[in-house]
Amino acid sequence: MKLAGHPLYRADLEAAADWPGLEALRGATVLVTGATGLIGACLTDALAWANRTRGLGVRVIALCRNGGRARERFDGADGVTVAQADLTDACGELPAADFVIHAASNAHPMAFSTDPVGTMRANLLGTMRLLERMRAGGRRLLFVSTGEIYGENPAVTDGFREEDFGRIDPMNPRSCYPESKRAAETLCASYVQQYGLDCVVARLCYVYGPTVAPGNTRADAQFLKKALAGEDIVLKSDGAQLRSYCYVADAVRGLLAVLLSGARGEAYNVAARGGAHTIREYAETLARLAGVRVAFDLPPEAERRGYSAVTRAVQNPAKLEALGWSARVSLEEGLSHTLQILRPSQRQ
């Protein structure tokens, strides 16, 4: 069953594609890396939806390592073609595109724990290869980064702004993700200055929604899996960490806002104002909506090593809001949508 068959997900796609500057993509070729991930899948679906409903005529190239899974995922999607490639393979050809949205990355704790080197290779080598490809032709590259680049800074109390920075331990292998994302941002800035490329950066907060990949080991993804199975949600900490959350449709509209309206060489936080919740609050909201309980248990060591130790990961979205974007979906509404879209009994 394709998600686009559900009326709530179709409404999500309409909302995700609701950006005034979308017309700039008419007839263009857009390369989306990591197109089967949580963000990339919804973004690809939203562009396909704009082709279907507005005749936008965008050629969307969904670039993935697993071509078979991607072709099954996007079968019948308007204007979408699948390209299979490993961004870290220097011998592989990358397709040309007017716009590149680089969303490919390991982005969950087990990957950070078991493959920190692969995580860094994708973020560093993959980004450099795309930047080099853009030197041969292309209009703009959007690098999808993360709020984890801010690290830990107790002095920041009103949410990290784009000019703020905190502590990240470079000798902790868990830092493979934020450190390589941070370095990749510097790569983008360097290509802007040295070669005149047009690059922008979007720093995503914790994004959730129905396009979450089955193998995602992030805490919120595990909560959702339990909730859909009608089982108690298991918290593997006291859940006191405070994080910015954003529903995937809002996040995708934010990415399009940065791609189409952001200033060259600038970074923008994509986070819902008022979307800061503790992990426990997130779990309890989902449990209430799903009719299950919250339980507590200690994680296995391999899983625990992949967890972030940052206690306060809150981002300030003022810079993106100045472009005209704002999050529209509350945590409760977003989790309710996610449950309704993914529950087999409510699919159409």
Protein backbone atom coordinates (compact mmCIF):
# COMPACT_ATOMS: atom_id res chain seq x y z
CA MET A 1 0.00 0.00 0.00
CA LYS A 2 1.43 3.38 -1.01
CA LEU A 3 1.15 6.17 1.53
CA ALA A 4 -0.25 8.52 -1.11
CA GLY A 5 -3.39 6.39 -1.13
CA HIS A 6 -4.31 7.75 2.29
CA PRO A 7 -6.24 11.07 2.28
CA LEU A 8 -4.32 12.41 5.28
CA TYR A 9 -0.99 11.80 3.57
CA ARG A 10 -2.27 13.44 0.40
CA ALA A 11 -3.18 16.46 2.53
CA ASP A 12 0.32 16.36 4.01
CA LEU A 13 1.84 16.41 0.52
CA GLU A 14 -0.32 19.35 -0.49
CA ALA A 15 0.84 21.22 2.61
CA ALA A 16 4.47 20.25 2.07
CA ALA A 17 4.43 21.61 -1.49
CA ASP A 18 2.71 24.84 -0.44
CA TRP A 19 5.55 27.27 -0.97
CA PRO A 20 5.13 30.43 -3.09
CA GLY A 21 8.46 30.01 -4.87
CA LEU A 22 7.75 26.46 -6.08
CA GLU A 23 7.15 27.77 -9.59
CA ALA A 24 10.93 28.24 -9.91
CA LEU A 25 11.19 24.45 -10.24
CA ARG A 26 8.89 24.26 -13.26
CA GLY A 27 10.53 22.10 -15.90
CA ALA A 28 13.72 21.72 -13.84
CA THR A 29 15.60 18.57 -12.92
CA VAL A 30 15.88 18.00 -9.16
CA LEU A 31 18.22 15.37 -7.76
CA VAL A 32 17.21 14.06 -4.31
CA THR A 33 19.78 11.91 -2.52
CA GLY A 34 18.63 9.61 0.24
CA ALA A 35 15.22 9.54 -1.41
CA THR A 36 13.94 6.53 0.55
CA GLY A 37 14.72 8.07 3.95
CA LEU A 38 12.19 9.82 6.15
CA ILE A 39 12.91 13.28 4.72
CA GLY A 40 13.83 12.32 1.17
CA ALA A 41 10.76 10.13 0.68
CA CYS A 42 8.29 12.82 1.73
CA LEU A 43 10.14 15.44 -0.31
CA THR A 44 10.11 13.24 -3.41
CA ASP A 45 6.43 12.47 -2.87
CA ALA A 46 5.65 16.18 -2.47
CA LEU A 47 7.35 17.09 -5.76
CA ALA A 48 5.54 14.22 -7.50
CA TRP A 49 2.29 15.51 -6.00
CA ALA A 50 3.01 19.00 -7.36
CA ASN A 51 3.58 17.46 -10.80
CA ARG A 52 0.28 15.61 -10.55
CA THR A 53 -1.87 18.45 -9.21
CA ARG A 54 -0.21 21.55 -10.68
CA GLY A 55 1.46 20.22 -13.82
CA LEU A 56 4.80 21.51 -12.55
CA GLY A 57 6.78 19.25 -14.87
CA VAL A 58 9.67 18.69 -12.48
CA ARG A 59 11.94 15.78 -13.34
CA VAL A 60 12.78 14.25 -9.97
CA ILE A 61 15.76 11.89 -9.83
CA ALA A 62 15.56 9.76 -6.69
CA LEU A 63 19.14 8.71 -5.97
CA CYS A 64 19.50 5.68 -3.67
CA ARG A 65 21.91 2.85 -2.94
CA ASN A 66 19.06 0.33 -3.09
CA GLY A 67 17.53 0.87 -6.50
CA GLY A 68 15.04 -1.99 -6.19
CA ARG A 69 13.52 -0.64 -3.00
CA ALA A 70 13.37 2.86 -4.46
CA ARG A 71 11.66 1.70 -7.66
CA GLU A 72 9.05 -0.12 -5.60
CA ARG A 73 8.61 2.89 -3.32
CA PHE A 74 8.12 5.42 -6.14
CA ASP A 75 6.38 3.24 -8.73
CA GLY A 76 3.82 5.42 -10.51
CA ALA A 77 4.98 8.68 -8.88
CA ASP A 78 4.59 11.52 -11.38
CA GLY A 79 7.90 12.65 -12.88
CA VAL A 80 10.08 10.48 -10.63
CA THR A 81 12.90 8.31 -11.97
CA VAL A 82 15.24 6.23 -9.84
CA ALA A 83 19.02 6.27 -10.08
CA GLN A 84 21.15 3.81 -8.13
CA ALA A 85 24.53 5.02 -6.90
CA ASP A 86 26.82 5.10 -3.89
CA LEU A 87 27.92 8.68 -3.30
CA THR A 88 31.20 7.51 -1.80
CA ASP A 89 32.16 5.52 -4.91
CA ALA A 90 34.49 7.81 -6.83
CA CYS A 91 34.12 5.68 -9.98
CA GLY A 92 30.35 6.00 -10.21
CA GLU A 93 28.65 8.57 -12.42
CA LEU A 94 26.28 11.09 -10.86
CA PRO A 95 23.38 12.47 -12.90
CA ALA A 96 23.27 16.14 -13.83
CA ALA A 97 20.61 18.31 -12.24
CA ASP A 98 19.55 21.92 -11.92
CA PHE A 99 18.91 21.55 -8.20
CA VAL A 100 20.43 19.05 -5.77
CA ILE A 101 18.90 18.26 -2.39
CA HIS A 102 21.46 16.21 -0.48
CA ALA A 103 19.57 14.26 2.18
CA ALA A 104 21.56 11.01 2.13
CA SER A 105 23.13 10.09 5.45
CA ASN A 106 23.12 7.55 8.23
CA ALA A 107 20.75 9.18 10.70
CA HIS A 108 19.98 6.75 13.49
CA PRO A 109 21.82 5.52 16.60
CA MET A 110 22.65 1.95 15.59
CA ALA A 111 24.34 3.19 12.43
CA PHE A 112 26.39 5.68 14.45
CA SER A 113 27.38 2.90 16.86
CA THR A 114 28.22 0.16 14.36
CA ASP A 115 29.40 2.17 11.33
CA PRO A 116 30.86 5.52 12.41
CA VAL A 117 33.36 5.45 9.54
CA GLY A 118 30.63 4.85 6.97
CA THR A 119 28.62 7.66 8.51
CA MET A 120 31.51 10.07 8.09
CA ARG A 121 32.30 8.87 4.56
CA ALA A 122 28.75 9.54 3.38
CA ASN A 123 28.63 13.00 4.90
CA LEU A 124 32.11 14.11 3.83
CA LEU A 125 32.99 12.28 0.61
CA GLY A 126 29.41 12.17 -0.61
CA THR A 127 28.96 15.90 -0.14
CA MET A 128 32.26 16.70 -1.85
CA ARG A 129 31.36 14.55 -4.85
CA LEU A 130 28.06 16.36 -5.24
CA LEU A 131 29.75 19.74 -4.93
CA GLU A 132 32.24 18.73 -7.61
CA ARG A 133 29.36 17.59 -9.81
CA MET A 134 27.71 20.98 -9.34
CA ARG A 135 30.88 22.68 -10.55
CA ALA A 136 30.20 21.08 -13.93
CA GLY A 137 26.73 22.63 -14.05
CA GLY A 138 23.73 23.28 -11.85
CA ARG A 139 21.86 26.09 -10.18
CA ARG A 140 21.80 25.36 -6.43
CA LEU A 141 22.67 22.66 -3.89
CA LEU A 142 20.78 22.30 -0.62
CA PHE A 143 22.73 20.42 2.03
CA VAL A 144 20.44 18.81 4.60
CA SER A 145 22.29 19.12 7.89
CA THR A 146 21.24 18.63 11.50
CA GLY A 147 20.72 20.55 14.72
CA GLU A 148 23.19 18.12 16.27
CA ILE A 149 26.00 20.31 14.94
CA TYR A 150 25.28 22.72 17.83
CA GLY A 151 26.39 20.21 20.46
CA GLU A 152 25.87 21.01 24.14
CA ASN A 153 25.79 24.59 25.42
CA PRO A 154 23.87 25.25 28.67
CA ALA A 155 24.30 29.01 28.16
CA VAL A 156 21.86 28.95 25.22
CA THR A 157 18.42 29.04 26.86
CA ASP A 158 16.12 30.32 24.09
CA GLY A 159 17.10 27.80 21.40
CA PHE A 160 20.19 27.65 19.20
CA ARG A 161 20.38 30.31 16.53
CA GLU A 162 22.47 29.75 13.43
CA GLU A 163 25.46 31.64 14.87
CA ASP A 164 25.52 29.63 18.14
CA PHE A 165 27.80 26.69 18.85
CA GLY A 166 28.38 24.25 21.70
CA ARG A 167 30.64 21.41 22.75
CA ILE A 168 31.10 18.19 20.78
CA ASP A 169 33.67 15.63 21.90
CA PRO A 170 35.74 14.78 18.78
CA MET A 171 37.19 11.66 20.42
CA ASN A 172 33.79 10.08 20.97
CA PRO A 173 32.90 7.90 17.93
CA ARG A 174 29.25 8.94 18.43
CA SER A 175 30.40 12.36 17.22
CA CYS A 176 30.81 10.84 13.73
CA TYR A 177 27.41 12.27 12.80
CA PRO A 178 27.48 15.88 14.10
CA GLU A 179 31.19 16.39 13.37
CA SER A 180 30.94 15.17 9.77
CA LYS A 181 27.77 17.19 9.20
CA ARG A 182 29.53 20.25 10.61
CA ALA A 183 32.55 19.67 8.35
CA ALA A 184 30.28 19.14 5.34
CA GLU A 185 28.69 22.52 6.03
CA THR A 186 32.18 24.04 5.94
CA LEU A 187 32.78 22.25 2.62
CA CYS A 188 29.67 23.92 1.21
CA ALA A 189 30.79 27.33 2.48
CA SER A 190 34.25 26.76 1.01
CA TYR A 191 32.87 25.86 -2.42
CA VAL A 192 30.71 28.99 -2.30
CA GLN A 193 33.74 31.19 -1.61
CA GLN A 194 36.38 29.47 -3.74
CA TYR A 195 34.35 28.35 -6.76
CA GLY A 196 31.29 30.59 -6.65
CA LEU A 197 28.82 27.74 -6.22
CA ASP A 198 25.32 28.44 -4.96
CA CYS A 199 24.79 26.38 -1.81
CA VAL A 200 22.44 26.66 1.14
CA VAL A 201 22.19 24.62 4.34
CA ALA A 202 19.14 23.46 6.29
CA ARG A 203 19.69 22.31 9.88
CA LEU A 204 16.87 19.94 10.71
CA CYS A 205 15.63 19.31 14.21
CA TYR A 206 14.15 15.91 15.18
CA VAL A 207 11.74 15.14 12.34
CA TYR A 208 9.02 12.49 12.65
CA GLY A 209 6.19 11.22 10.49
CA PRO A 210 4.77 8.35 8.45
CA THR A 211 7.71 8.10 6.02
CA VAL A 212 10.06 6.83 8.74
CA ALA A 213 12.21 3.95 7.45
CA PRO A 214 11.48 0.50 8.97
CA GLY A 215 15.09 0.06 10.07
CA ASN A 216 15.36 3.41 11.87
CA THR A 217 16.64 2.86 15.43
CA ARG A 218 16.01 6.37 16.72
CA ALA A 219 13.98 6.46 19.93
CA ASP A 220 10.91 8.11 18.38
CA ALA A 221 10.89 5.53 15.55
CA GLN A 222 10.98 2.71 18.08
CA PHE A 223 8.14 4.34 20.03
CA LEU A 224 6.05 4.44 16.85
CA LYS A 225 6.76 0.80 16.05
CA LYS A 226 5.52 -0.22 19.49
CA ALA A 227 2.46 2.01 19.29
CA LEU A 228 1.42 0.61 15.90
CA ALA A 229 1.76 -2.91 17.29
CA GLY A 230 -0.46 -2.02 20.25
CA GLU A 231 2.42 -2.62 22.67
CA ASP A 232 3.73 -0.49 25.52
CA ILE A 233 6.21 2.18 24.47
CA VAL A 234 9.60 1.48 26.05
CA LEU A 235 11.69 4.41 27.26
CA LYS A 236 15.37 3.52 27.62
CA SER A 237 16.24 6.57 29.75
CA ASP A 238 14.36 8.91 32.07
CA GLY A 239 13.27 10.80 28.94
CA ALA A 240 14.32 14.19 30.33
CA GLN A 241 16.26 15.30 27.22
CA LEU A 242 14.61 18.34 25.63
CA ARG A 243 14.41 18.38 21.84
CA SER A 244 12.84 20.36 19.01
CA TYR A 245 10.42 18.22 17.01
CA CYS A 246 8.89 18.94 13.60
CA TYR A 247 6.34 17.00 11.55
CA VAL A 248 7.76 15.78 8.27
CA ALA A 249 5.37 17.76 6.03
CA ASP A 250 6.36 20.98 7.80
CA ALA A 251 10.04 20.02 7.53
CA VAL A 252 9.76 19.39 3.79
CA ARG A 253 8.07 22.75 3.26
CA GLY A 254 10.96 24.23 5.25
CA LEU A 255 13.50 22.56 2.97
CA LEU A 256 11.74 23.95 -0.09
CA ALA A 257 11.73 27.38 1.55
CA VAL A 258 15.50 27.21 2.10
CA LEU A 259 16.12 25.81 -1.41
CA LEU A 260 14.03 28.44 -3.17
CA SER A 261 14.18 31.49 -0.91
CA GLY A 262 17.28 31.09 1.26
CA ALA A 263 20.31 33.34 0.79
CA ARG A 264 23.37 31.88 -0.91
CA GLY A 265 25.91 30.53 1.54
CA GLU A 266 23.57 30.73 4.54
CA ALA A 267 22.29 28.12 7.03
CA TYR A 268 18.72 27.94 8.37
CA ASN A 269 17.20 26.07 11.29
CA VAL A 270 14.16 23.98 10.40
CA ALA A 271 12.31 23.53 13.69
CA ALA A 272 8.77 24.09 14.90
CA ARG A 273 8.32 27.09 17.17
CA GLY A 274 6.73 25.71 20.31
CA GLY A 275 7.84 22.24 19.24
CA ALA A 276 10.27 21.66 22.11
CA HIS A 277 9.31 18.59 24.15
CA THR A 278 11.13 16.11 26.32
CA ILE A 279 11.49 12.59 24.98
CA ARG A 280 9.14 11.48 27.74
CA GLU A 281 6.49 14.02 26.68
CA TYR A 282 6.80 12.77 23.10
CA ALA A 283 6.40 9.15 24.24
CA GLU A 284 3.47 9.93 26.54
CA THR A 285 1.63 11.87 23.82
CA LEU A 286 2.06 9.01 21.36
CA ALA A 287 1.05 6.43 23.97
CA ARG A 288 -2.13 8.33 24.82
CA LEU A 289 -3.11 8.60 21.16
CA ALA A 290 -2.36 4.91 20.55
CA GLY A 291 -4.05 3.66 23.73
CA VAL A 292 -0.90 2.09 25.17
CA ARG A 293 1.34 2.74 28.19
CA VAL A 294 4.91 3.97 28.66
CA ALA A 295 7.38 1.54 30.26
CA PHE A 296 11.07 1.90 31.13
CA ASP A 297 13.97 -0.41 30.30
CA LEU A 298 17.76 -0.19 29.87
CA PRO A 299 19.09 -0.43 26.28
CA PRO A 300 21.72 -2.92 25.04
CA GLU A 301 25.27 -1.53 25.08
CA ALA A 302 25.59 -1.39 21.28
CA GLU A 303 22.41 0.64 21.03
CA ARG A 304 23.30 2.89 23.96
CA ARG A 305 26.60 3.90 22.35
CA GLY A 306 24.68 5.46 19.48
CA TYR A 307 22.56 7.73 21.65
CA SER A 308 23.20 11.45 21.82
CA ALA A 309 24.35 12.71 25.23
CA VAL A 310 23.06 16.24 24.57
CA THR A 311 20.43 17.17 27.17
CA ARG A 312 18.98 20.25 25.45
CA ALA A 313 18.67 20.22 21.65
CA VAL A 314 16.32 23.13 20.97
CA GLN A 315 16.59 25.26 17.82
CA ASN A 316 15.31 28.77 17.17
CA PRO A 317 13.52 29.02 13.78
CA ALA A 318 13.40 32.84 13.58
CA LYS A 319 15.71 33.08 10.54
CA LEU A 320 13.58 30.67 8.50
CA GLU A 321 10.37 32.31 9.74
CA ALA A 322 11.70 35.60 8.32
CA LEU A 323 11.40 33.98 4.87
CA GLY A 324 7.68 33.40 5.50
CA TRP A 325 7.79 29.81 6.75
CA SER A 326 6.21 28.56 9.95
CA ALA A 327 5.34 25.11 11.25
CA ARG A 328 1.62 24.37 11.05
CA VAL A 329 1.33 20.98 12.72
CA SER A 330 1.47 20.46 16.49
CA LEU A 331 3.08 17.40 18.04
CA GLU A 332 -0.29 15.89 18.89
CA GLU A 333 -1.70 16.47 15.41
CA GLY A 334 1.45 15.15 13.73
CA LEU A 335 1.53 11.99 15.81
CA SER A 336 -2.19 11.48 15.23
CA HIS A 337 -1.66 11.81 11.46
CA THR A 338 1.24 9.37 11.60
CA LEU A 339 -0.77 6.74 13.45
CA GLN A 340 -3.80 7.09 11.18
CA ILE A 341 -1.72 6.88 8.00
CA LEU A 342 0.29 3.86 9.09
CA ARG A 343 -2.38 1.79 10.85
CA PRO A 344 -3.49 -0.94 8.40
CA SER A 345 -7.10 -0.68 9.57
CA GLN A 346 -7.24 2.98 8.53
CA ARG A 347 -5.60 2.68 5.12
CA GLN A 348 -7.69 3.09 2.01
